Amino acid sequence: MAVVLVVEDEVQVLVLTESCLQELGHKTLSAATAAEALAILETEELIDVLFIDIGLQDDLQAGLALAMKAVEGRPDIKVLYATGQPVTDGTKALMVEGSAILQKPYTMSQLEASLTVHFGIRHGLVGTVPPQAEPPATPTP
């Protein structure tokens, strides 16, 4: 089981994503704002993956800044970004190393495949999984 912190400002998307992750056997924590997410990240709670919307509220790059802070405090955390916007080279340059991107709207299968392909997390387990030929989400440089 992986522990996934979901940071999403759209309540319906947050609830559906948490439900999908829980169905896959993962434990979820959730935050609707960067401040809520930072408060969770500052606790002793184990978090394997930060699944974060790039744009939060009116700040189109709040998720990028939050992910940087998360990695500073938790160097082993994996980051999966979500966005409904086009991803430019400039945006990719602001992403944490080793992260991945999942385009919105996404399905439960795409979310599961992203966790498996990029981070070796599948069906509630954390471990190494052989990479697939065509990953569903775009890794960052």
Protein backbone atom coordinates (compact mmCIF):
# COMPACT_ATOMS: atom_id res chain seq x y z
CA MET A 1 0.00 0.00 0.00
CA ALA A 2 1.27 3.44 -0.91
CA VAL A 3 0.28 6.59 0.94
CA VAL A 4 -0.75 9.27 -1.55
CA LEU A 5 -1.28 12.92 -0.68
CA VAL A 6 -3.77 14.27 -3.22
CA VAL A 7 -3.70 18.05 -3.65
CA GLU A 8 -6.60 19.22 -5.80
CA ASP A 9 -8.73 22.37 -5.52
CA GLU A 10 -11.71 20.98 -7.45
CA VAL A 11 -13.73 19.10 -4.83
CA GLN A 12 -15.34 16.61 -7.24
CA VAL A 13 -11.98 15.72 -8.78
CA LEU A 14 -10.44 15.36 -5.32
CA VAL A 15 -13.18 13.02 -4.10
CA LEU A 16 -13.11 10.89 -7.26
CA THR A 17 -9.32 10.64 -7.24
CA GLU A 18 -9.25 9.61 -3.59
CA SER A 19 -11.94 7.02 -4.26
CA CYS A 20 -9.97 5.59 -7.22
CA LEU A 21 -6.75 5.41 -5.22
CA GLN A 22 -8.51 3.74 -2.30
CA GLU A 23 -10.08 1.18 -4.67
CA LEU A 24 -6.54 0.41 -5.85
CA GLY A 25 -5.57 -0.30 -2.25
CA HIS A 26 -3.77 2.92 -1.39
CA LYS A 27 -4.16 5.11 1.68
CA THR A 28 -5.00 8.72 0.82
CA LEU A 29 -4.55 12.06 2.47
CA SER A 30 -6.08 15.11 0.87
CA ALA A 31 -5.69 18.86 0.67
CA ALA A 32 -7.60 21.46 -1.32
CA THR A 33 -4.99 24.22 -0.93
CA ALA A 34 -1.22 24.58 -0.84
CA ALA A 35 -1.44 25.64 2.82
CA GLU A 36 -3.36 22.49 3.76
CA ALA A 37 -0.86 20.34 1.88
CA LEU A 38 2.11 22.03 3.59
CA ALA A 39 0.53 21.40 6.98
CA ILE A 40 0.25 17.68 6.16
CA LEU A 41 3.78 17.56 4.75
CA GLU A 42 5.12 19.07 7.98
CA THR A 43 3.73 16.19 10.04
CA GLU A 44 5.45 12.85 10.65
CA GLU A 45 2.89 11.10 8.40
CA LEU A 46 4.49 8.72 5.90
CA ILE A 47 3.77 9.89 2.34
CA ASP A 48 5.01 7.95 -0.69
CA VAL A 49 3.51 10.04 -3.50
CA LEU A 50 2.45 13.65 -3.83
CA PHE A 51 -0.26 13.75 -6.52
CA ILE A 52 -0.69 17.44 -7.17
CA ASP A 53 -2.60 19.67 -9.55
CA ILE A 54 -0.16 22.14 -11.10
CA GLY A 55 -2.64 25.00 -10.85
CA LEU A 56 -4.33 25.60 -7.50
CA GLN A 57 -6.99 28.27 -7.08
CA ASP A 58 -5.85 31.35 -9.01
CA ASP A 59 -2.14 30.44 -9.05
CA LEU A 60 -1.29 28.53 -12.22
CA GLN A 61 2.05 27.38 -10.77
CA ALA A 62 1.20 26.79 -7.09
CA GLY A 63 1.56 23.03 -7.51
CA LEU A 64 5.04 23.42 -8.95
CA ALA A 65 6.20 25.53 -5.99
CA LEU A 66 4.57 23.20 -3.48
CA ALA A 67 6.22 20.14 -5.02
CA MET A 68 9.64 21.83 -4.72
CA LYS A 69 9.00 22.51 -1.02
CA ALA A 70 7.78 18.95 -0.51
CA VAL A 71 10.92 17.46 -2.03
CA GLU A 72 13.14 19.77 0.03
CA GLY A 73 11.58 18.45 3.23
CA ARG A 74 11.03 14.89 2.00
CA PRO A 75 13.70 13.99 -0.57
CA ASP A 76 12.27 10.48 -1.14
CA ILE A 77 8.73 11.61 -1.99
CA LYS A 78 7.59 10.86 -5.53
CA VAL A 79 5.69 13.57 -7.40
CA LEU A 80 2.93 13.00 -9.94
CA TYR A 81 1.58 16.23 -11.41
CA ALA A 82 -1.91 16.57 -12.87
CA THR A 83 -2.97 19.29 -15.26
CA GLY A 84 -5.63 20.09 -17.80
CA GLN A 85 -3.40 22.71 -19.42
CA PRO A 86 -0.78 22.18 -22.13
CA VAL A 87 2.62 21.39 -20.62
CA THR A 88 5.37 23.58 -22.05
CA ASP A 89 9.12 23.12 -21.83
CA GLY A 90 9.13 26.03 -19.37
CA THR A 91 6.66 24.19 -17.13
CA LYS A 92 8.69 20.99 -17.37
CA ALA A 93 11.80 22.90 -16.31
CA LEU A 94 10.05 23.88 -13.06
CA MET A 95 9.11 20.30 -12.17
CA VAL A 96 11.04 18.26 -9.65
CA GLU A 97 13.47 15.71 -10.99
CA GLY A 98 12.04 12.23 -11.48
CA SER A 99 8.44 13.42 -11.47
CA ALA A 100 5.72 12.53 -13.99
CA ILE A 101 2.69 14.25 -15.52
CA LEU A 102 -0.86 12.95 -15.90
CA GLN A 103 -3.11 14.94 -18.22
CA LYS A 104 -6.65 15.74 -17.12
CA PRO A 105 -9.17 14.34 -17.58
CA TYR A 106 -7.71 10.98 -16.61
CA THR A 107 -9.26 7.60 -15.95
CA MET A 108 -8.68 5.27 -13.04
CA SER A 109 -6.68 3.03 -15.38
CA GLN A 110 -4.45 5.92 -16.46
CA LEU A 111 -3.85 6.92 -12.84
CA GLU A 112 -2.98 3.34 -11.91
CA ALA A 113 -0.68 2.98 -14.94
CA SER A 114 1.11 6.24 -14.10
CA LEU A 115 1.85 5.06 -10.56
CA THR A 116 3.04 1.70 -11.88
CA VAL A 117 5.15 2.85 -14.82
CA HIS A 118 6.83 5.82 -13.19
CA PHE A 119 7.09 4.83 -9.56
CA GLY A 120 6.76 1.05 -9.38
CA ILE A 121 3.54 1.29 -7.35
CA ARG A 122 0.75 -1.09 -8.25
CA HIS A 123 -2.40 -2.51 -6.70
CA GLY A 124 -1.60 -1.08 -3.31
CA LEU A 125 2.03 -2.25 -3.34
CA VAL A 126 5.27 -0.31 -3.49
CA GLY A 127 7.98 -2.13 -5.46
CA THR A 128 9.84 -2.39 -8.70
CA VAL A 129 7.80 -2.98 -11.81
CA PRO A 130 9.32 -3.38 -15.28
CA PRO A 131 8.64 -0.29 -17.42
CA GLN A 132 6.10 -0.54 -20.22
CA ALA A 133 6.90 0.41 -23.79
CA GLU A 134 4.48 3.36 -23.87
CA PRO A 135 3.99 5.13 -20.53
CA PRO A 136 0.61 6.82 -20.09
CA ALA A 137 2.06 9.99 -18.58
CA THR A 138 5.00 12.10 -19.70
CA PRO A 139 8.04 11.95 -17.39
CA THR A 140 9.90 15.15 -16.72
CA PRO A 141 13.59 15.54 -17.52
